[in-house]
């Protein structure tokens, strides 16, 4: 029988407490940007990518909590993009980073209430001032009652951008 992973393109993946070390020290939050023979994930806080084989995924499936984008993505307007020197040096040091991802600071506004927020995102080569973007508002996600997930959410930025809106 054919087994398919539960992770889809654009899903937010929350890792269990010990698993980021297995992946080389990623953050607990990753975004799936491609599913093929491997699952391709990007760390939205560092722009570093990680590829997980099907075998590795199915052996460790319990370490992945998946937040589907279809139900949970919200729209944000990009007000300003700032490629500061600190992030530029971080981008240069990333060996395993496709050129489509670049770490930048952005000022965004939630389209629901126009509240402005400053965040980091991996979408520096994709977004421009005035663009609309989809992302996850961690403060409004309905996630099962896992202590470690709720702890991560309290210790990270409120918004994780996913992609540019069409």
C-alpha atoms as a PDB file:
ATOM      1  CA  UNK A   1       0.000   0.000   0.000  1.00  0.00           C
ATOM      2  CA  UNK A   2       1.050   3.568  -0.670  1.00  0.00           C
ATOM      3  CA  UNK A   3       1.610   5.848   2.317  1.00  0.00           C
ATOM      4  CA  UNK A   4       1.406   9.603   1.832  1.00  0.00           C
ATOM      5  CA  UNK A   5       2.736  12.152   4.316  1.00  0.00           C
ATOM      6  CA  UNK A   6       0.205  14.401   6.036  1.00  0.00           C
ATOM      7  CA  UNK A   7       2.308  17.463   5.208  1.00  0.00           C
ATOM      8  CA  UNK A   8       1.253  19.551   2.195  1.00  0.00           C
ATOM      9  CA  UNK A   9       2.877  22.516   0.460  1.00  0.00           C
ATOM     10  CA  UNK A  10       2.417  25.734   2.501  1.00  0.00           C
ATOM     11  CA  UNK A  11       1.596  23.936   5.755  1.00  0.00           C
ATOM     12  CA  UNK A  12       3.144  25.125   9.003  1.00  0.00           C
ATOM     13  CA  UNK A  13       5.029  22.311  10.731  1.00  0.00           C
ATOM     14  CA  UNK A  14       5.645  22.465  14.474  1.00  0.00           C
ATOM     15  CA  UNK A  15       8.365  20.117  15.687  1.00  0.00           C
ATOM     16  CA  UNK A  16       8.474  18.275  18.996  1.00  0.00           C
ATOM     17  CA  UNK A  17      10.989  19.563  21.585  1.00  0.00           C
ATOM     18  CA  UNK A  18      13.866  17.239  20.706  1.00  0.00           C
ATOM     19  CA  UNK A  19      13.496  17.029  16.929  1.00  0.00           C
ATOM     20  CA  UNK A  20      15.060  20.372  15.853  1.00  0.00           C
ATOM     21  CA  UNK A  21      18.451  19.047  17.012  1.00  0.00           C
ATOM     22  CA  UNK A  22      17.992  16.040  14.709  1.00  0.00           C
ATOM     23  CA  UNK A  23      17.539  18.466  11.800  1.00  0.00           C
ATOM     24  CA  UNK A  24      20.685  20.430  12.608  1.00  0.00           C
ATOM     25  CA  UNK A  25      19.259  23.018  14.969  1.00  0.00           C
ATOM     26  CA  UNK A  26      16.262  24.499  13.157  1.00  0.00           C
ATOM     27  CA  UNK A  27      13.553  26.437  14.949  1.00  0.00           C
ATOM     28  CA  UNK A  28      10.429  24.618  16.127  1.00  0.00           C
ATOM     29  CA  UNK A  29       8.376  26.206  13.325  1.00  0.00           C
ATOM     30  CA  UNK A  30       9.019  25.270   9.686  1.00  0.00           C
ATOM     31  CA  UNK A  31       7.097  25.870   6.471  1.00  0.00           C
ATOM     32  CA  UNK A  32       6.713  23.200   3.803  1.00  0.00           C
ATOM     33  CA  UNK A  33       7.585  24.774   0.448  1.00  0.00           C
ATOM     34  CA  UNK A  34       7.637  21.595  -1.659  1.00  0.00           C
ATOM     35  CA  UNK A  35       6.636  17.942  -1.433  1.00  0.00           C
ATOM     36  CA  UNK A  36       8.259  15.505  -3.849  1.00  0.00           C
ATOM     37  CA  UNK A  37      10.349  12.408  -3.106  1.00  0.00           C
ATOM     38  CA  UNK A  38      11.378  14.430  -0.043  1.00  0.00           C
ATOM     39  CA  UNK A  39       9.598  16.977   2.119  1.00  0.00           C
ATOM     40  CA  UNK A  40      11.281  20.371   1.675  1.00  0.00           C
ATOM     41  CA  UNK A  41      10.993  22.715   4.658  1.00  0.00           C
ATOM     42  CA  UNK A  42      12.255  26.235   5.315  1.00  0.00           C
ATOM     43  CA  UNK A  43      12.902  27.808   8.692  1.00  0.00           C
ATOM     44  CA  UNK A  44      11.081  31.181   8.483  1.00  0.00           C
ATOM     45  CA  UNK A  45      13.389  32.716  11.118  1.00  0.00           C
ATOM     46  CA  UNK A  46      16.724  31.810   9.474  1.00  0.00           C
ATOM     47  CA  UNK A  47      15.810  31.054   5.812  1.00  0.00           C
ATOM     48  CA  UNK A  48      17.655  27.749   6.206  1.00  0.00           C
ATOM     49  CA  UNK A  49      16.182  24.775   4.356  1.00  0.00           C
ATOM     50  CA  UNK A  50      15.866  21.160   5.426  1.00  0.00           C
ATOM     51  CA  UNK A  51      14.976  18.164   3.274  1.00  0.00           C
ATOM     52  CA  UNK A  52      13.379  15.172   4.954  1.00  0.00           C
ATOM     53  CA  UNK A  53      13.234  11.830   3.171  1.00  0.00           C
ATOM     54  CA  UNK A  54      10.045   9.779   3.206  1.00  0.00           C
ATOM     55  CA  UNK A  55      11.785   7.185   5.365  1.00  0.00           C
ATOM     56  CA  UNK A  56      12.908   9.818   7.895  1.00  0.00           C
ATOM     57  CA  UNK A  57       9.411  11.339   7.964  1.00  0.00           C
ATOM     58  CA  UNK A  58       7.554   8.063   8.570  1.00  0.00           C
ATOM     59  CA  UNK A  59      10.065   6.919  11.213  1.00  0.00           C
ATOM     60  CA  UNK A  60       9.530  10.216  13.089  1.00  0.00           C
ATOM     61  CA  UNK A  61       5.945  11.124  12.171  1.00  0.00           C
ATOM     62  CA  UNK A  62       5.017  11.733  15.822  1.00  0.00           C
ATOM     63  CA  UNK A  63       7.515  14.620  15.988  1.00  0.00           C
ATOM     64  CA  UNK A  64       5.585  16.666  13.386  1.00  0.00           C
ATOM     65  CA  UNK A  65       2.453  18.643  14.250  1.00  0.00           C
ATOM     66  CA  UNK A  66       0.930  20.002  11.041  1.00  0.00           C
ATOM     67  CA  UNK A  67      -1.123  23.199  10.807  1.00  0.00           C
ATOM     68  CA  UNK A  68      -2.859  23.210   7.395  1.00  0.00           C
ATOM     69  CA  UNK A  69      -2.633  26.504   5.513  1.00  0.00           C
ATOM     70  CA  UNK A  70      -6.031  26.261   3.834  1.00  0.00           C
ATOM     71  CA  UNK A  71      -7.951  26.843   7.073  1.00  0.00           C
ATOM     72  CA  UNK A  72      -5.410  28.877   9.011  1.00  0.00           C
ATOM     73  CA  UNK A  73      -3.659  31.317   6.654  1.00  0.00           C
ATOM     74  CA  UNK A  74      -4.523  35.012   7.063  1.00  0.00           C
ATOM     75  CA  UNK A  75      -3.786  37.987   4.816  1.00  0.00           C
ATOM     76  CA  UNK A  76      -1.296  40.739   5.622  1.00  0.00           C
ATOM     77  CA  UNK A  77      -0.100  43.825   3.766  1.00  0.00           C
ATOM     78  CA  UNK A  78       3.638  44.418   3.497  1.00  0.00           C
ATOM     79  CA  UNK A  79       4.296  48.046   4.446  1.00  0.00           C
ATOM     80  CA  UNK A  80       8.097  48.136   4.508  1.00  0.00           C
ATOM     81  CA  UNK A  81      11.025  45.784   3.921  1.00  0.00           C
ATOM     82  CA  UNK A  82      14.351  46.402   5.653  1.00  0.00           C
ATOM     83  CA  UNK A  83      17.426  44.398   4.668  1.00  0.00           C
ATOM     84  CA  UNK A  84      19.645  45.433   7.561  1.00  0.00           C
ATOM     85  CA  UNK A  85      23.338  44.544   7.898  1.00  0.00           C
ATOM     86  CA  UNK A  86      22.811  41.971  10.671  1.00  0.00           C
ATOM     87  CA  UNK A  87      20.505  39.934   8.460  1.00  0.00           C
ATOM     88  CA  UNK A  88      22.753  40.398   5.416  1.00  0.00           C
ATOM     89  CA  UNK A  89      25.636  38.722   7.247  1.00  0.00           C
ATOM     90  CA  UNK A  90      23.286  35.933   8.391  1.00  0.00           C
ATOM     91  CA  UNK A  91      22.218  35.365   4.774  1.00  0.00           C
ATOM     92  CA  UNK A  92      25.830  35.132   3.573  1.00  0.00           C
ATOM     93  CA  UNK A  93      26.665  32.457   6.145  1.00  0.00           C
ATOM     94  CA  UNK A  94      23.802  30.164   5.121  1.00  0.00           C
ATOM     95  CA  UNK A  95      25.198  27.378   2.971  1.00  0.00           C
ATOM     96  CA  UNK A  96      22.013  25.374   2.445  1.00  0.00           C
ATOM     97  CA  UNK A  97      19.706  28.217   1.397  1.00  0.00           C
ATOM     98  CA  UNK A  98      18.143  28.461  -2.055  1.00  0.00           C
ATOM     99  CA  UNK A  99      18.379  31.954  -3.522  1.00  0.00           C
ATOM    100  CA  UNK A 100      14.588  32.261  -3.442  1.00  0.00           C
ATOM    101  CA  UNK A 101      14.804  32.706   0.355  1.00  0.00           C
ATOM    102  CA  UNK A 102      16.410  35.741   1.977  1.00  0.00           C
ATOM    103  CA  UNK A 103      16.030  36.806   5.591  1.00  0.00           C
ATOM    104  CA  UNK A 104      14.672  40.351   6.059  1.00  0.00           C
ATOM    105  CA  UNK A 105      12.787  42.477   8.585  1.00  0.00           C
ATOM    106  CA  UNK A 106       9.352  43.584   7.387  1.00  0.00           C
ATOM    107  CA  UNK A 107       6.632  45.814   8.720  1.00  0.00           C
ATOM    108  CA  UNK A 108       3.242  44.298   7.996  1.00  0.00           C
ATOM    109  CA  UNK A 109      -0.368  45.104   8.801  1.00  0.00           C
ATOM    110  CA  UNK A 110      -3.072  42.580   9.583  1.00  0.00           C
ATOM    111  CA  UNK A 111      -5.858  43.204   7.072  1.00  0.00           C
ATOM    112  CA  UNK A 112      -8.416  42.266   9.739  1.00  0.00           C
ATOM    113  CA  UNK A 113      -7.650  45.281  11.954  1.00  0.00           C
ATOM    114  CA  UNK A 114      -4.652  47.052  10.288  1.00  0.00           C
ATOM    115  CA  UNK A 115      -2.496  46.487  13.376  1.00  0.00           C
ATOM    116  CA  UNK A 116       1.151  47.024  12.386  1.00  0.00           C
ATOM    117  CA  UNK A 117       3.835  44.509  13.389  1.00  0.00           C
ATOM    118  CA  UNK A 118       7.553  44.189  12.723  1.00  0.00           C
ATOM    119  CA  UNK A 119       8.724  40.643  12.032  1.00  0.00           C
ATOM    120  CA  UNK A 120      11.477  38.621  10.374  1.00  0.00           C
ATOM    121  CA  UNK A 121      10.679  36.595   7.278  1.00  0.00           C
ATOM    122  CA  UNK A 122      12.445  34.323   4.819  1.00  0.00           C
ATOM    123  CA  UNK A 123      10.587  35.931   1.882  1.00  0.00           C
ATOM    124  CA  UNK A 124      13.010  38.804   1.260  1.00  0.00           C
ATOM    125  CA  UNK A 125      13.565  37.906  -2.415  1.00  0.00           C
ATOM    126  CA  UNK A 126       9.843  37.535  -3.083  1.00  0.00           C
ATOM    127  CA  UNK A 127       8.013  40.352  -1.268  1.00  0.00           C
ATOM    128  CA  UNK A 128       7.997  44.071  -2.127  1.00  0.00           C
ATOM    129  CA  UNK A 129       6.522  47.077  -0.315  1.00  0.00           C
ATOM    130  CA  UNK A 130       2.744  47.130  -0.870  1.00  0.00           C
ATOM    131  CA  UNK A 131       2.429  43.385  -1.585  1.00  0.00           C
ATOM    132  CA  UNK A 132      -0.183  41.233   0.069  1.00  0.00           C
ATOM    133  CA  UNK A 133       1.066  38.084   1.804  1.00  0.00           C
ATOM    134  CA  UNK A 134      -0.471  35.056   3.448  1.00  0.00           C
ATOM    135  CA  UNK A 135       0.752  33.978   6.842  1.00  0.00           C
ATOM    136  CA  UNK A 136      -0.032  32.390  10.150  1.00  0.00           C
ATOM    137  CA  UNK A 137      -1.205  34.479  13.082  1.00  0.00           C
ATOM    138  CA  UNK A 138       0.021  32.322  15.954  1.00  0.00           C
ATOM    139  CA  UNK A 139      -2.077  34.249  18.457  1.00  0.00           C
ATOM    140  CA  UNK A 140      -5.302  33.068  16.807  1.00  0.00           C
ATOM    141  CA  UNK A 141      -4.387  29.481  15.863  1.00  0.00           C
ATOM    142  CA  UNK A 142      -6.520  26.777  17.372  1.00  0.00           C
ATOM    143  CA  UNK A 143      -3.942  24.133  18.247  1.00  0.00           C
ATOM    144  CA  UNK A 144      -4.578  21.056  20.350  1.00  0.00           C
ATOM    145  CA  UNK A 145      -3.587  21.404  23.991  1.00  0.00           C
ATOM    146  CA  UNK A 146       0.091  20.457  23.756  1.00  0.00           C
ATOM    147  CA  UNK A 147       2.168  22.269  26.325  1.00  0.00           C
ATOM    148  CA  UNK A 148       5.269  22.407  24.165  1.00  0.00           C
ATOM    149  CA  UNK A 149       3.454  23.955  21.201  1.00  0.00           C
ATOM    150  CA  UNK A 150       1.846  26.616  23.377  1.00  0.00           C
ATOM    151  CA  UNK A 151       5.244  27.318  24.994  1.00  0.00           C
ATOM    152  CA  UNK A 152       6.884  27.820  21.578  1.00  0.00           C
ATOM    153  CA  UNK A 153       4.116  30.166  20.493  1.00  0.00           C
ATOM    154  CA  UNK A 154       4.678  32.388  23.537  1.00  0.00           C
ATOM    155  CA  UNK A 155       8.406  32.636  22.807  1.00  0.00           C
ATOM    156  CA  UNK A 156       8.286  33.563  19.134  1.00  0.00           C
ATOM    157  CA  UNK A 157       6.986  36.359  16.938  1.00  0.00           C
ATOM    158  CA  UNK A 158       3.217  36.488  16.495  1.00  0.00           C
ATOM    159  CA  UNK A 159       3.170  36.207  12.682  1.00  0.00           C
ATOM    160  CA  UNK A 160       4.937  33.782  10.336  1.00  0.00           C
ATOM    161  CA  UNK A 161       4.622  34.780   6.692  1.00  0.00           C
ATOM    162  CA  UNK A 162       3.968  31.955   4.275  1.00  0.00           C
ATOM    163  CA  UNK A 163       3.959  33.356   0.742  1.00  0.00           C
ATOM    164  CA  UNK A 164       3.032  36.288  -1.450  1.00  0.00           C
ATOM    165  CA  UNK A 165      -0.718  36.460  -2.211  1.00  0.00           C
ATOM    166  CA  UNK A 166      -1.747  36.249  -5.838  1.00  0.00           C
END
